[in-house]
C-alpha atoms as a PDB file:
ATOM      1  CA  MET A   1     -26.256 -34.699  -7.839  1.00  0.00           C
ATOM      2  CA  LEU A   2     -28.403 -36.760  -9.798  1.00  0.00           C
ATOM      3  CA  ASN A   3     -26.175 -38.970 -10.391  1.00  0.00           C
ATOM      4  CA  THR A   4     -25.341 -40.064  -7.210  1.00  0.00           C
ATOM      5  CA  ALA A   5     -28.422 -40.748  -6.668  1.00  0.00           C
ATOM      6  CA  VAL A   6     -29.108 -42.794 -10.455  1.00  0.00           C
ATOM      7  CA  ARG A   7     -25.615 -45.362  -8.870  1.00  0.00           C
ATOM      8  CA  SER A   8     -26.867 -45.165  -5.008  1.00  0.00           C
ATOM      9  CA  SER A   9     -29.775 -46.659  -6.297  1.00  0.00           C
ATOM     10  CA  SER A  10     -28.568 -48.677  -8.260  1.00  0.00           C
ATOM     11  CA  SER A  11     -26.498 -50.232  -6.351  1.00  0.00           C
ATOM     12  CA  SER A  12     -28.700 -50.773  -3.577  1.00  0.00           C
ATOM     13  CA  ALA A  13     -30.698 -52.973  -6.669  1.00  0.00           C
ATOM     14  CA  PHE A  14     -27.531 -55.003  -6.946  1.00  0.00           C
ATOM     15  CA  GLN A  15     -27.301 -55.542  -3.076  1.00  0.00           C
ATOM     16  CA  THR A  16     -30.677 -57.092  -2.754  1.00  0.00           C
ATOM     17  CA  VAL A  17     -30.280 -58.802  -6.207  1.00  0.00           C
ATOM     18  CA  ALA A  18     -26.602 -60.721  -4.665  1.00  0.00           C
ATOM     19  CA  ALA A  19     -28.596 -61.176  -1.158  1.00  0.00           C
ATOM     20  CA  ALA A  20     -31.669 -62.760  -3.113  1.00  0.00           C
ATOM     21  CA  PHE A  21     -29.131 -64.814  -5.728  1.00  0.00           C
ATOM     22  CA  GLY A  22     -27.203 -66.008  -1.920  1.00  0.00           C
ATOM     23  CA  ALA A  23     -29.960 -66.883  -0.484  1.00  0.00           C
ATOM     24  CA  MET A  24     -31.460 -69.350  -3.100  1.00  0.00           C
ATOM     25  CA  LEU A  25     -28.037 -70.697  -3.268  1.00  0.00           C
ATOM     26  CA  LEU A  26     -27.894 -71.451   0.347  1.00  0.00           C
ATOM     27  CA  GLY A  27     -31.474 -72.793   0.193  1.00  0.00           C
ATOM     28  CA  ALA A  28     -30.734 -75.211  -2.487  1.00  0.00           C
ATOM     29  CA  PHE A  29     -27.415 -76.655  -0.866  1.00  0.00           C
ATOM     30  CA  ILE A  30     -28.924 -77.385   2.135  1.00  0.00           C
ATOM     31  CA  LEU A  31     -32.213 -78.983   0.948  1.00  0.00           C
ATOM     32  CA  PHE A  32     -30.664 -81.042  -1.952  1.00  0.00           C
ATOM     33  CA  GLY A  33     -26.877 -81.063  -0.954  1.00  0.00           C
ATOM     34  CA  VAL A  34     -27.531 -81.816   2.576  1.00  0.00           C
ATOM     35  CA  GLY A  35     -30.439 -84.048   1.626  1.00  0.00           C
ATOM     36  CA  PHE A  36     -28.715 -86.176  -0.524  1.00  0.00           C
ATOM     37  CA  ALA A  37     -25.661 -86.462   1.858  1.00  0.00           C
ATOM     38  CA  GLN A  38     -24.041 -90.294   2.291  1.00  0.00           C
ATOM     39  CA  PRO A  39     -23.941 -90.143   5.815  1.00  0.00           C
ATOM     40  CA  GLN A  40     -26.189 -91.194   7.237  1.00  0.00           C
ATOM     41  CA  THR A  41     -26.790 -88.086  10.550  1.00  0.00           C
ATOM     42  CA  ILE A  42     -26.111 -85.615   8.295  1.00  0.00           C
ATOM     43  CA  HIS A  43     -28.908 -87.068   6.021  1.00  0.00           C
ATOM     44  CA  ASP A  44     -31.065 -87.884   8.958  1.00  0.00           C
ATOM     45  CA  ALA A  45     -31.037 -84.423  10.179  1.00  0.00           C
ATOM     46  CA  ALA A  46     -32.167 -82.779   7.087  1.00  0.00           C
ATOM     47  CA  HIS A  47     -34.765 -85.219   6.778  1.00  0.00           C
ATOM     48  CA  ASP A  48     -36.539 -84.531   9.412  1.00  0.00           C
ATOM     49  CA  GLY A  49     -36.095 -80.721   8.907  1.00  0.00           C
ATOM     50  CA  ARG A  50     -38.320 -81.129   5.707  1.00  0.00           C
ATOM     51  CA  HIS A  51     -40.761 -83.416   7.853  1.00  0.00           C
ATOM     52  CA  SER A  52     -40.904 -80.606  10.452  1.00  0.00           C
ATOM     53  CA  PHE A  53     -41.697 -77.720   7.800  1.00  0.00           C
ATOM     54  CA  ALA A  54     -44.182 -80.634   5.972  1.00  0.00           C
ATOM     55  CA  PHE A  55     -41.663 -80.365   3.030  1.00  0.00           C
ATOM     56  CA  PRO A  56     -42.817 -84.014   1.141  1.00  0.00           C
ATOM     57  CA  CYS A  57     -38.974 -85.567   0.295  1.00  0.00           C
ATOM     58  CA  HIS A  58     -40.262 -88.971  -0.493  1.00  0.00           C
END
């Protein structure tokens, strides 16, 4: 019974870390990948979004 509890806790911790890492990657892509995009429309949308959250971008 103890072995099952340890596995469940370990699996839950792994899922939490994996979700946090995925969220960080998505956030970095949105902030930098889209922010430095060449199409002007995508860049302007990201630029306005950064300003709406009071994130200094220039």
